[in-house]
Full PDB file with SEQRES, HELIX, SHEET, SSBOND, CRYST1, ORIGX, SCALE, CONECT and MASTER records, all heavy atoms in Angstrom:
SEQRES   1 A   34  LEU GLY GLN HIS ALA SER GLU ILE THR ILE HIS GLU ILE          
SEQRES   2 A   34  TYR ARG GLU TYR PRO ASP TRP HIS ILE ASN VAL SER ARG          
SEQRES   3 A   34  GLU GLN LYS LEU LEU GLU ALA TYR                              
HELIX    1 AA1 GLY A    2  HIS A    4  5                                   3    
HELIX    2 AA2 ILE A   13  GLU A   16  1                                   4    
HELIX    3 AA3 VAL A   24  GLU A   32  1                                   9    
CRYST1    1.000    1.000    1.000  90.00  90.00  90.00 P 1           1          
ORIGX1      1.000000  0.000000  0.000000        0.00000                         
ORIGX2      0.000000  1.000000  0.000000        0.00000                         
ORIGX3      0.000000  0.000000  1.000000        0.00000                         
SCALE1      1.000000  0.000000  0.000000        0.00000                         
SCALE2      0.000000  1.000000  0.000000        0.00000                         
SCALE3      0.000000  0.000000  1.000000        0.00000                         
ATOM      1  N   LEU A   1      -8.980  10.774   5.010  1.00  0.00           N  
ATOM      2  CA  LEU A   1      -8.801   9.426   5.409  1.00  0.00           C  
ATOM      3  C   LEU A   1      -7.641   9.169   6.348  1.00  0.00           C  
ATOM      4  O   LEU A   1      -7.676   8.375   7.304  1.00  0.00           O  
ATOM      5  CB  LEU A   1      -8.555   8.457   4.227  1.00  0.00           C  
ATOM      6  CG  LEU A   1      -9.708   8.410   3.126  1.00  0.00           C  
ATOM      7  CD1 LEU A   1      -9.377   7.465   1.962  1.00  0.00           C  
ATOM      8  CD2 LEU A   1     -11.049   8.128   3.736  1.00  0.00           C  
ATOM      9  N   GLY A   2      -6.619  10.034   6.214  1.00  0.00           N  
ATOM     10  CA  GLY A   2      -5.465  10.063   7.113  1.00  0.00           C  
ATOM     11  C   GLY A   2      -5.793  10.321   8.527  1.00  0.00           C  
ATOM     12  O   GLY A   2      -5.074   9.922   9.457  1.00  0.00           O  
ATOM     13  N   GLN A   3      -6.862  10.973   8.762  1.00  0.00           N  
ATOM     14  CA  GLN A   3      -7.351  11.276  10.151  1.00  0.00           C  
ATOM     15  C   GLN A   3      -7.984  10.075  10.787  1.00  0.00           C  
ATOM     16  O   GLN A   3      -8.354  10.171  11.987  1.00  0.00           O  
ATOM     17  CB  GLN A   3      -8.335  12.431  10.141  1.00  0.00           C  
ATOM     18  CG  GLN A   3      -7.686  13.738   9.685  1.00  0.00           C  
ATOM     19  CD  GLN A   3      -8.690  14.768   9.564  1.00  0.00           C  
ATOM     20  OE1 GLN A   3      -9.641  14.871  10.339  1.00  0.00           O  
ATOM     21  NE2 GLN A   3      -8.580  15.680   8.538  1.00  0.00           N  
ATOM     22  N   HIS A   4      -8.118   8.953  10.086  1.00  0.00           N  
ATOM     23  CA  HIS A   4      -8.767   7.742  10.516  1.00  0.00           C  
ATOM     24  C   HIS A   4      -7.942   6.549  10.421  1.00  0.00           C  
ATOM     25  O   HIS A   4      -8.317   5.496   9.915  1.00  0.00           O  
ATOM     26  CB  HIS A   4     -10.114   7.593   9.831  1.00  0.00           C  
ATOM     27  CG  HIS A   4     -10.898   8.742   9.965  1.00  0.00           C  
ATOM     28  ND1 HIS A   4     -11.787   9.004  10.990  1.00  0.00           N  
ATOM     29  CD2 HIS A   4     -11.136   9.878   9.183  1.00  0.00           C  
ATOM     30  CE1 HIS A   4     -12.384  10.174  10.899  1.00  0.00           C  
ATOM     31  NE2 HIS A   4     -11.989  10.734   9.777  1.00  0.00           N  
ATOM     32  N   ALA A   5      -6.587   6.677  10.794  1.00  0.00           N  
ATOM     33  CA  ALA A   5      -5.621   5.635  10.521  1.00  0.00           C  
ATOM     34  C   ALA A   5      -5.930   4.381  11.284  1.00  0.00           C  
ATOM     35  O   ALA A   5      -5.455   3.302  10.910  1.00  0.00           O  
ATOM     36  CB  ALA A   5      -4.207   6.169  10.877  1.00  0.00           C  
ATOM     37  N   SER A   6      -6.740   4.425  12.374  1.00  0.00           N  
ATOM     38  CA  SER A   6      -7.024   3.208  13.067  1.00  0.00           C  
ATOM     39  C   SER A   6      -7.973   2.295  12.319  1.00  0.00           C  
ATOM     40  O   SER A   6      -8.065   1.142  12.538  1.00  0.00           O  
ATOM     41  CB  SER A   6      -7.701   3.641  14.452  1.00  0.00           C  
ATOM     42  OG  SER A   6      -8.927   4.270  14.225  1.00  0.00           O  
ATOM     43  N   GLU A   7      -8.721   2.895  11.303  1.00  0.00           N  
ATOM     44  CA  GLU A   7      -9.548   2.114  10.502  1.00  0.00           C  
ATOM     45  C   GLU A   7      -9.297   2.115   9.008  1.00  0.00           C  
ATOM     46  O   GLU A   7      -9.821   1.232   8.285  1.00  0.00           O  
ATOM     47  CB  GLU A   7     -11.072   2.452  10.736  1.00  0.00           C  
ATOM     48  CG  GLU A   7     -11.352   3.915  10.326  1.00  0.00           C  
ATOM     49  CD  GLU A   7     -12.705   4.417  10.645  1.00  0.00           C  
ATOM     50  OE1 GLU A   7     -13.715   3.822  10.155  1.00  0.00           O  
ATOM     51  OE2 GLU A   7     -12.819   5.315  11.454  1.00  0.00           O  
ATOM     52  N   ILE A   8      -8.353   2.899   8.552  1.00  0.00           N  
ATOM     53  CA  ILE A   8      -8.023   3.045   7.160  1.00  0.00           C  
ATOM     54  C   ILE A   8      -6.559   3.125   6.938  1.00  0.00           C  
ATOM     55  O   ILE A   8      -5.873   3.967   7.541  1.00  0.00           O  
ATOM     56  CB  ILE A   8      -8.707   4.221   6.559  1.00  0.00           C  
ATOM     57  CG1 ILE A   8     -10.249   4.116   6.686  1.00  0.00           C  
ATOM     58  CG2 ILE A   8      -8.354   4.373   5.068  1.00  0.00           C  
ATOM     59  CD1 ILE A   8     -11.017   5.415   6.347  1.00  0.00           C  
ATOM     60  N   THR A   9      -6.016   2.240   6.124  1.00  0.00           N  
ATOM     61  CA  THR A   9      -4.601   2.286   5.750  1.00  0.00           C  
ATOM     62  C   THR A   9      -4.513   2.781   4.252  1.00  0.00           C  
ATOM     63  O   THR A   9      -5.142   2.213   3.362  1.00  0.00           O  
ATOM     64  CB  THR A   9      -3.942   0.849   5.827  1.00  0.00           C  
ATOM     65  OG1 THR A   9      -4.065   0.382   7.101  1.00  0.00           O  
ATOM     66  CG2 THR A   9      -2.504   0.874   5.335  1.00  0.00           C  
ATOM     67  N   ILE A  10      -3.711   3.777   4.120  1.00  0.00           N  
ATOM     68  CA  ILE A  10      -3.476   4.427   2.751  1.00  0.00           C  
ATOM     69  C   ILE A  10      -2.179   3.959   2.260  1.00  0.00           C  
ATOM     70  O   ILE A  10      -1.144   4.077   2.866  1.00  0.00           O  
ATOM     71  CB  ILE A  10      -3.550   5.961   2.822  1.00  0.00           C  
ATOM     72  CG1 ILE A  10      -4.870   6.463   3.345  1.00  0.00           C  
ATOM     73  CG2 ILE A  10      -3.254   6.488   1.490  1.00  0.00           C  
ATOM     74  CD1 ILE A  10      -4.915   7.944   3.704  1.00  0.00           C  
ATOM     75  N   HIS A  11      -2.230   3.405   0.956  1.00  0.00           N  
ATOM     76  CA  HIS A  11      -0.985   2.815   0.359  1.00  0.00           C  
ATOM     77  C   HIS A  11      -0.901   3.542  -0.979  1.00  0.00           C  
ATOM     78  O   HIS A  11      -1.658   3.253  -1.870  1.00  0.00           O  
ATOM     79  CB  HIS A  11      -1.094   1.359   0.207  1.00  0.00           C  
ATOM     80  CG  HIS A  11       0.098   0.650  -0.456  1.00  0.00           C  
ATOM     81  ND1 HIS A  11       1.352   0.797   0.082  1.00  0.00           N  
ATOM     82  CD2 HIS A  11       0.115  -0.081  -1.502  1.00  0.00           C  
ATOM     83  CE1 HIS A  11       2.151   0.156  -0.715  1.00  0.00           C  
ATOM     84  NE2 HIS A  11       1.484  -0.430  -1.706  1.00  0.00           N  
ATOM     85  N   GLU A  12       0.071   4.486  -1.039  1.00  0.00           N  
ATOM     86  CA  GLU A  12       0.250   5.328  -2.253  1.00  0.00           C  
ATOM     87  C   GLU A  12       1.243   4.593  -3.173  1.00  0.00           C  
ATOM     88  O   GLU A  12       2.409   4.695  -2.947  1.00  0.00           O  
ATOM     89  CB  GLU A  12       0.754   6.688  -1.901  1.00  0.00           C  
ATOM     90  CG  GLU A  12      -0.242   7.579  -1.201  1.00  0.00           C  
ATOM     91  CD  GLU A  12       0.245   8.981  -1.004  1.00  0.00           C  
ATOM     92  OE1 GLU A  12       0.309   9.741  -1.981  1.00  0.00           O  
ATOM     93  OE2 GLU A  12       0.582   9.274   0.086  1.00  0.00           O  
ATOM     94  N   ILE A  13       0.772   4.060  -4.360  1.00  0.00           N  
ATOM     95  CA  ILE A  13       1.652   3.255  -5.131  1.00  0.00           C  
ATOM     96  C   ILE A  13       2.534   4.178  -5.929  1.00  0.00           C  
ATOM     97  O   ILE A  13       3.762   3.833  -6.344  1.00  0.00           O  
ATOM     98  CB  ILE A  13       0.941   2.370  -6.003  1.00  0.00           C  
ATOM     99  CG1 ILE A  13      -0.032   2.958  -7.026  1.00  0.00           C  
ATOM    100  CG2 ILE A  13       0.262   1.250  -5.166  1.00  0.00           C  
ATOM    101  CD1 ILE A  13      -0.672   1.987  -8.015  1.00  0.00           C  
ATOM    102  N   TYR A  14       2.238   5.475  -6.323  1.00  0.00           N  
ATOM    103  CA  TYR A  14       3.110   6.309  -7.062  1.00  0.00           C  
ATOM    104  C   TYR A  14       4.276   6.799  -6.098  1.00  0.00           C  
ATOM    105  O   TYR A  14       5.358   7.004  -6.606  1.00  0.00           O  
ATOM    106  CB  TYR A  14       2.396   7.504  -7.645  1.00  0.00           C  
ATOM    107  CG  TYR A  14       1.854   7.234  -9.039  1.00  0.00           C  
ATOM    108  CD1 TYR A  14       0.547   6.809  -9.152  1.00  0.00           C  
ATOM    109  CD2 TYR A  14       2.617   7.421 -10.173  1.00  0.00           C  
ATOM    110  CE1 TYR A  14       0.050   6.507 -10.494  1.00  0.00           C  
ATOM    111  CE2 TYR A  14       2.121   7.134 -11.378  1.00  0.00           C  
ATOM    112  CZ  TYR A  14       0.765   6.715 -11.526  1.00  0.00           C  
ATOM    113  OH  TYR A  14       0.338   6.434 -12.838  1.00  0.00           O  
ATOM    114  N   ARG A  15       4.072   6.971  -4.843  1.00  0.00           N  
ATOM    115  CA  ARG A  15       5.138   7.288  -3.919  1.00  0.00           C  
ATOM    116  C   ARG A  15       5.963   6.012  -3.609  1.00  0.00           C  
ATOM    117  O   ARG A  15       7.195   6.133  -3.494  1.00  0.00           O  
ATOM    118  CB  ARG A  15       4.566   7.883  -2.657  1.00  0.00           C  
ATOM    119  CG  ARG A  15       4.005   9.244  -2.784  1.00  0.00           C  
ATOM    120  CD  ARG A  15       4.070  10.055  -1.546  1.00  0.00           C  
ATOM    121  NE  ARG A  15       3.159  11.238  -1.540  1.00  0.00           N  
ATOM    122  CZ  ARG A  15       3.482  12.380  -2.033  1.00  0.00           C  
ATOM    123  NH1 ARG A  15       4.672  12.548  -2.508  1.00  0.00           N  
ATOM    124  NH2 ARG A  15       2.682  13.333  -2.038  1.00  0.00           N  
ATOM    125  N   GLU A  16       5.303   4.865  -3.538  1.00  0.00           N  
ATOM    126  CA  GLU A  16       5.970   3.645  -3.103  1.00  0.00           C  
ATOM    127  C   GLU A  16       6.882   3.174  -4.296  1.00  0.00           C  
ATOM    128  O   GLU A  16       7.929   2.587  -4.105  1.00  0.00           O  
ATOM    129  CB  GLU A  16       4.965   2.628  -2.854  1.00  0.00           C  
ATOM    130  CG  GLU A  16       5.501   1.311  -2.221  1.00  0.00           C  
ATOM    131  CD  GLU A  16       6.086   1.497  -0.864  1.00  0.00           C  
ATOM    132  OE1 GLU A  16       5.652   2.407  -0.064  1.00  0.00           O  
ATOM    133  OE2 GLU A  16       7.117   0.764  -0.508  1.00  0.00           O  
ATOM    134  N   TYR A  17       6.349   3.335  -5.549  1.00  0.00           N  
ATOM    135  CA  TYR A  17       7.169   2.780  -6.706  1.00  0.00           C  
ATOM    136  C   TYR A  17       7.447   3.909  -7.800  1.00  0.00           C  
ATOM    137  O   TYR A  17       6.860   3.795  -8.854  1.00  0.00           O  
ATOM    138  CB  TYR A  17       6.344   1.625  -7.326  1.00  0.00           C  
ATOM    139  CG  TYR A  17       6.070   0.534  -6.333  1.00  0.00           C  
ATOM    140  CD1 TYR A  17       4.775   0.291  -5.813  1.00  0.00           C  
ATOM    141  CD2 TYR A  17       7.089  -0.195  -5.867  1.00  0.00           C  
ATOM    142  CE1 TYR A  17       4.541  -0.700  -4.946  1.00  0.00           C  
ATOM    143  CE2 TYR A  17       6.870  -1.246  -4.884  1.00  0.00           C  
ATOM    144  CZ  TYR A  17       5.534  -1.479  -4.465  1.00  0.00           C  
ATOM    145  OH  TYR A  17       5.364  -2.499  -3.540  1.00  0.00           O  
ATOM    146  N   PRO A  18       8.202   4.912  -7.478  1.00  0.00           N  
ATOM    147  CA  PRO A  18       8.455   5.934  -8.445  1.00  0.00           C  
ATOM    148  C   PRO A  18       9.292   5.414  -9.613  1.00  0.00           C  
ATOM    149  O   PRO A  18       9.195   6.050 -10.691  1.00  0.00           O  
ATOM    150  CB  PRO A  18       9.337   6.977  -7.662  1.00  0.00           C  
ATOM    151  CG  PRO A  18       9.885   6.115  -6.496  1.00  0.00           C  
ATOM    152  CD  PRO A  18       8.930   5.100  -6.129  1.00  0.00           C  
ATOM    153  N   ASP A  19       9.967   4.273  -9.460  1.00  0.00           N  
ATOM    154  CA  ASP A  19      10.727   3.599 -10.524  1.00  0.00           C  
ATOM    155  C   ASP A  19       9.844   2.599 -11.273  1.00  0.00           C  
ATOM    156  O   ASP A  19      10.275   1.954 -12.282  1.00  0.00           O  
ATOM    157  CB  ASP A  19      11.929   2.940  -9.974  1.00  0.00           C  
ATOM    158  CG  ASP A  19      11.723   1.896  -9.001  1.00  0.00           C  
ATOM    159  OD1 ASP A  19      10.417   1.645  -8.663  1.00  0.00           O  
ATOM    160  OD2 ASP A  19      12.612   1.271  -8.510  1.00  0.00           O  
ATOM    161  N   TRP A  20       8.571   2.453 -10.831  1.00  0.00           N  
ATOM    162  CA  TRP A  20       7.651   1.508 -11.401  1.00  0.00           C  
ATOM    163  C   TRP A  20       8.068   0.013 -11.250  1.00  0.00           C  
ATOM    164  O   TRP A  20       7.454  -0.854 -11.955  1.00  0.00           O  
ATOM    165  CB  TRP A  20       7.377   1.804 -12.931  1.00  0.00           C  
ATOM    166  CG  TRP A  20       6.590   3.001 -13.136  1.00  0.00           C  
ATOM    167  CD1 TRP A  20       6.759   4.241 -12.633  1.00  0.00           C  
ATOM    168  CD2 TRP A  20       5.430   3.135 -13.959  1.00  0.00           C  
ATOM    169  NE1 TRP A  20       5.822   5.169 -13.029  1.00  0.00           N  
ATOM    170  CE2 TRP A  20       5.060   4.497 -13.963  1.00  0.00           C  
ATOM    171  CE3 TRP A  20       4.785   2.253 -14.876  1.00  0.00           C  
ATOM    172  CZ2 TRP A  20       3.935   4.929 -14.623  1.00  0.00           C  
ATOM    173  CZ3 TRP A  20       3.747   2.737 -15.489  1.00  0.00           C  
ATOM    174  CH2 TRP A  20       3.311   4.081 -15.428  1.00  0.00           C  
ATOM    175  N   HIS A  21       8.969  -0.270 -10.375  1.00  0.00           N  
ATOM    176  CA  HIS A  21       9.346  -1.682 -10.063  1.00  0.00           C  
ATOM    177  C   HIS A  21       8.537  -2.110  -8.804  1.00  0.00           C  
ATOM    178  O   HIS A  21       8.937  -1.908  -7.708  1.00  0.00           O  
ATOM    179  CB  HIS A  21      10.776  -1.767  -9.898  1.00  0.00           C  
ATOM    180  CG  HIS A  21      11.636  -1.483 -10.996  1.00  0.00           C  
ATOM    181  ND1 HIS A  21      11.361  -1.853 -12.319  1.00  0.00           N  
ATOM    182  CD2 HIS A  21      12.897  -0.690 -11.125  1.00  0.00           C  
ATOM    183  CE1 HIS A  21      12.219  -1.494 -13.109  1.00  0.00           C  
ATOM    184  NE2 HIS A  21      13.149  -0.679 -12.470  1.00  0.00           N  
ATOM    185  N   ILE A  22       7.412  -2.770  -9.150  1.00  0.00           N  
ATOM    186  CA  ILE A  22       6.446  -3.189  -8.125  1.00  0.00           C  
ATOM    187  C   ILE A  22       6.912  -4.327  -7.364  1.00  0.00           C  
ATOM    188  O   ILE A  22       7.288  -5.439  -8.033  1.00  0.00           O  
ATOM    189  CB  ILE A  22       5.099  -3.330  -8.700  1.00  0.00           C  
ATOM    190  CG1 ILE A  22       4.584  -2.028  -9.236  1.00  0.00           C  
ATOM    191  CG2 ILE A  22       4.083  -3.959  -7.666  1.00  0.00           C  
ATOM    192  CD1 ILE A  22       3.283  -2.134 -10.004  1.00  0.00           C  
ATOM    193  N   ASN A  23       6.959  -4.363  -6.109  1.00  0.00           N  
ATOM    194  CA  ASN A  23       7.308  -5.459  -5.280  1.00  0.00           C  
ATOM    195  C   ASN A  23       6.077  -6.372  -5.106  1.00  0.00           C  
ATOM    196  O   ASN A  23       5.183  -6.138  -4.278  1.00  0.00           O  
ATOM    197  CB  ASN A  23       7.780  -5.098  -3.894  1.00  0.00           C  
ATOM    198  CG  ASN A  23       8.168  -6.216  -3.026  1.00  0.00           C  
ATOM    199  OD1 ASN A  23       7.719  -7.406  -3.133  1.00  0.00           O  
ATOM    200  ND2 ASN A  23       9.148  -5.973  -2.107  1.00  0.00           N  
ATOM    201  N   VAL A  24       5.923  -7.310  -6.070  1.00  0.00           N  
ATOM    202  CA  VAL A  24       4.633  -8.073  -6.218  1.00  0.00           C  
ATOM    203  C   VAL A  24       4.362  -8.843  -4.930  1.00  0.00           C  
ATOM    204  O   VAL A  24       3.197  -8.796  -4.441  1.00  0.00           O  
ATOM    205  CB  VAL A  24       4.690  -8.958  -7.445  1.00  0.00           C  
ATOM    206  CG1 VAL A  24       3.481  -9.892  -7.380  1.00  0.00           C  
ATOM    207  CG2 VAL A  24       4.817  -8.161  -8.656  1.00  0.00           C  
ATOM    208  N   SER A  25       5.282  -9.486  -4.331  1.00  0.00           N  
ATOM    209  CA  SER A  25       4.985 -10.351  -3.163  1.00  0.00           C  
ATOM    210  C   SER A  25       4.571  -9.503  -1.939  1.00  0.00           C  
ATOM    211  O   SER A  25       3.679  -9.799  -1.210  1.00  0.00           O  
ATOM    212  CB  SER A  25       6.111 -11.229  -2.686  1.00  0.00           C  
ATOM    213  OG  SER A  25       7.235 -10.399  -2.345  1.00  0.00           O  
ATOM    214  N   ARG A  26       5.143  -8.258  -1.836  1.00  0.00           N  
ATOM    215  CA  ARG A  26       4.767  -7.361  -0.766  1.00  0.00           C  
ATOM    216  C   ARG A  26       3.399  -6.896  -1.070  1.00  0.00           C  
ATOM    217  O   ARG A  26       2.539  -6.766  -0.028  1.00  0.00           O  
ATOM    218  CB  ARG A  26       5.738  -6.188  -0.691  1.00  0.00           C  
ATOM    219  CG  ARG A  26       5.373  -5.185   0.244  1.00  0.00           C  
ATOM    220  CD  ARG A  26       6.486  -4.119   0.391  1.00  0.00           C  
ATOM    221  NE  ARG A  26       6.108  -3.046   1.305  1.00  0.00           N  
ATOM    222  CZ  ARG A  26       5.849  -1.826   1.089  1.00  0.00           C  
ATOM    223  NH1 ARG A  26       6.192  -1.365  -0.181  1.00  0.00           N  
ATOM    224  NH2 ARG A  26       5.438  -0.967   1.935  1.00  0.00           N  
ATOM    225  N   GLU A  27       3.044  -6.499  -2.248  1.00  0.00           N  
ATOM    226  CA  GLU A  27       1.674  -6.075  -2.571  1.00  0.00           C  
ATOM    227  C   GLU A  27       0.644  -7.231  -2.348  1.00  0.00           C  
ATOM    228  O   GLU A  27      -0.470  -6.858  -1.775  1.00  0.00           O  
ATOM    229  CB  GLU A  27       1.542  -5.547  -3.984  1.00  0.00           C  
ATOM    230  CG  GLU A  27       2.394  -4.330  -4.304  1.00  0.00           C  
ATOM    231  CD  GLU A  27       1.974  -3.143  -3.509  1.00  0.00           C  
ATOM    232  OE1 GLU A  27       0.771  -2.735  -3.560  1.00  0.00           O  
ATOM    233  OE2 GLU A  27       2.830  -2.513  -2.785  1.00  0.00           O  
ATOM    234  N   GLN A  28       1.007  -8.342  -2.707  1.00  0.00           N  
ATOM    235  CA  GLN A  28       0.039  -9.514  -2.501  1.00  0.00           C  
ATOM    236  C   GLN A  28      -0.228  -9.758  -1.042  1.00  0.00           C  
ATOM    237  O   GLN A  28      -1.325  -9.985  -0.585  1.00  0.00           O  
ATOM    238  CB  GLN A  28       0.588 -10.764  -3.186  1.00  0.00           C  
ATOM    239  CG  GLN A  28       0.532 -10.659  -4.725  1.00  0.00           C  
ATOM    240  CD  GLN A  28       1.152 -11.815  -5.405  1.00  0.00           C  
ATOM    241  OE1 GLN A  28       1.926 -12.537  -4.855  1.00  0.00           O  
ATOM    242  NE2 GLN A  28       0.738 -11.945  -6.742  1.00  0.00           N  
ATOM    243  N   LYS A  29       0.897  -9.703  -0.218  1.00  0.00           N  
ATOM    244  CA  LYS A  29       0.753  -9.893   1.207  1.00  0.00           C  
ATOM    245  C   LYS A  29      -0.114  -8.794   1.808  1.00  0.00           C  
ATOM    246  O   LYS A  29      -0.980  -8.992   2.770  1.00  0.00           O  
ATOM    247  CB  LYS A  29       2.151  -9.970   1.906  1.00  0.00           C  
ATOM    248  CG  LYS A  29       2.837 -11.232   1.663  1.00  0.00           C  
ATOM    249  CD  LYS A  29       4.228 -11.213   2.238  1.00  0.00           C  
ATOM    250  CE  LYS A  29       4.951 -12.547   1.887  1.00  0.00           C  
ATOM    251  NZ  LYS A  29       6.351 -12.415   2.070  1.00  0.00           N  
ATOM    252  N   LEU A  30       0.041  -7.564   1.292  1.00  0.00           N  
ATOM    253  CA  LEU A  30      -0.755  -6.424   1.753  1.00  0.00           C  
ATOM    254  C   LEU A  30      -2.248  -6.725   1.500  1.00  0.00           C  
ATOM    255  O   LEU A  30      -3.081  -6.531   2.401  1.00  0.00           O  
ATOM    256  CB  LEU A  30      -0.296  -5.078   1.201  1.00  0.00           C  
ATOM    257  CG  LEU A  30      -0.978  -3.838   1.602  1.00  0.00           C  
ATOM    258  CD1 LEU A  30      -0.600  -3.589   3.078  1.00  0.00           C  
ATOM    259  CD2 LEU A  30      -0.342  -2.672   0.862  1.00  0.00           C  
ATOM    260  N   LEU A  31      -2.530  -7.154   0.303  1.00  0.00           N  
ATOM    261  CA  LEU A  31      -3.915  -7.388  -0.081  1.00  0.00           C  
ATOM    262  C   LEU A  31      -4.511  -8.544   0.737  1.00  0.00           C  
ATOM    263  O   LEU A  31      -5.663  -8.520   1.136  1.00  0.00           O  
ATOM    264  CB  LEU A  31      -4.014  -7.669  -1.575  1.00  0.00           C  
ATOM    265  CG  LEU A  31      -3.833  -6.536  -2.511  1.00  0.00           C  
ATOM    266  CD1 LEU A  31      -3.741  -6.974  -3.961  1.00  0.00           C  
ATOM    267  CD2 LEU A  31      -5.002  -5.526  -2.321  1.00  0.00           C  
ATOM    268  N   GLU A  32      -3.670  -9.563   1.010  1.00  0.00           N  
ATOM    269  CA  GLU A  32      -4.151 -10.671   1.776  1.00  0.00           C  
ATOM    270  C   GLU A  32      -4.569 -10.289   3.217  1.00  0.00           C  
ATOM    271  O   GLU A  32      -5.379 -10.963   3.830  1.00  0.00           O  
ATOM    272  CB  GLU A  32      -3.090 -11.771   1.855  1.00  0.00           C  
ATOM    273  CG  GLU A  32      -2.906 -12.508   0.546  1.00  0.00           C  
ATOM    274  CD  GLU A  32      -1.693 -13.419   0.499  1.00  0.00           C  
ATOM    275  OE1 GLU A  32      -1.251 -13.867   1.607  1.00  0.00           O  
ATOM    276  OE2 GLU A  32      -1.241 -13.843  -0.559  1.00  0.00           O  
ATOM    277  N   ALA A  33      -3.954  -9.271   3.707  1.00  0.00           N  
ATOM    278  CA  ALA A  33      -4.193  -8.763   5.073  1.00  0.00           C  
ATOM    279  C   ALA A  33      -5.492  -8.008   5.271  1.00  0.00           C  
ATOM    280  O   ALA A  33      -5.947  -7.728   6.407  1.00  0.00           O  
ATOM    281  CB  ALA A  33      -2.991  -7.944   5.592  1.00  0.00           C  
ATOM    282  N   TYR A  34      -6.143  -7.657   4.160  1.00  0.00           N  
ATOM    283  CA  TYR A  34      -7.396  -6.839   4.206  1.00  0.00           C  
ATOM    284  C   TYR A  34      -8.549  -7.569   3.509  1.00  0.00           C  
ATOM    285  O   TYR A  34      -8.347  -8.207   2.442  1.00  0.00           O  
ATOM    286  CB  TYR A  34      -7.207  -5.467   3.601  1.00  0.00           C  
ATOM    287  CG  TYR A  34      -6.247  -4.584   4.367  1.00  0.00           C  
ATOM    288  CD1 TYR A  34      -4.844  -4.713   4.210  1.00  0.00           C  
ATOM    289  CD2 TYR A  34      -6.686  -3.722   5.310  1.00  0.00           C  
ATOM    290  CE1 TYR A  34      -3.989  -3.985   4.952  1.00  0.00           C  
ATOM    291  CE2 TYR A  34      -5.850  -2.920   5.989  1.00  0.00           C  
ATOM    292  CZ  TYR A  34      -4.411  -3.014   5.883  1.00  0.00           C  
ATOM    293  OH  TYR A  34      -3.577  -2.210   6.593  1.00  0.00           O  
TER     294      TYR A  34                                                      
MASTER        0    0    0    3    0    0    0    6  293    1    0    3          
END                                                                             
């Protein structure tokens, strides 16, 4: 999928939130964009 970044965005939540503190507003805005 990484070879197709123009059509696919990969969002790795285990890398993004290793402390498990999810930035809810950021995640919601991300979902709203797709």
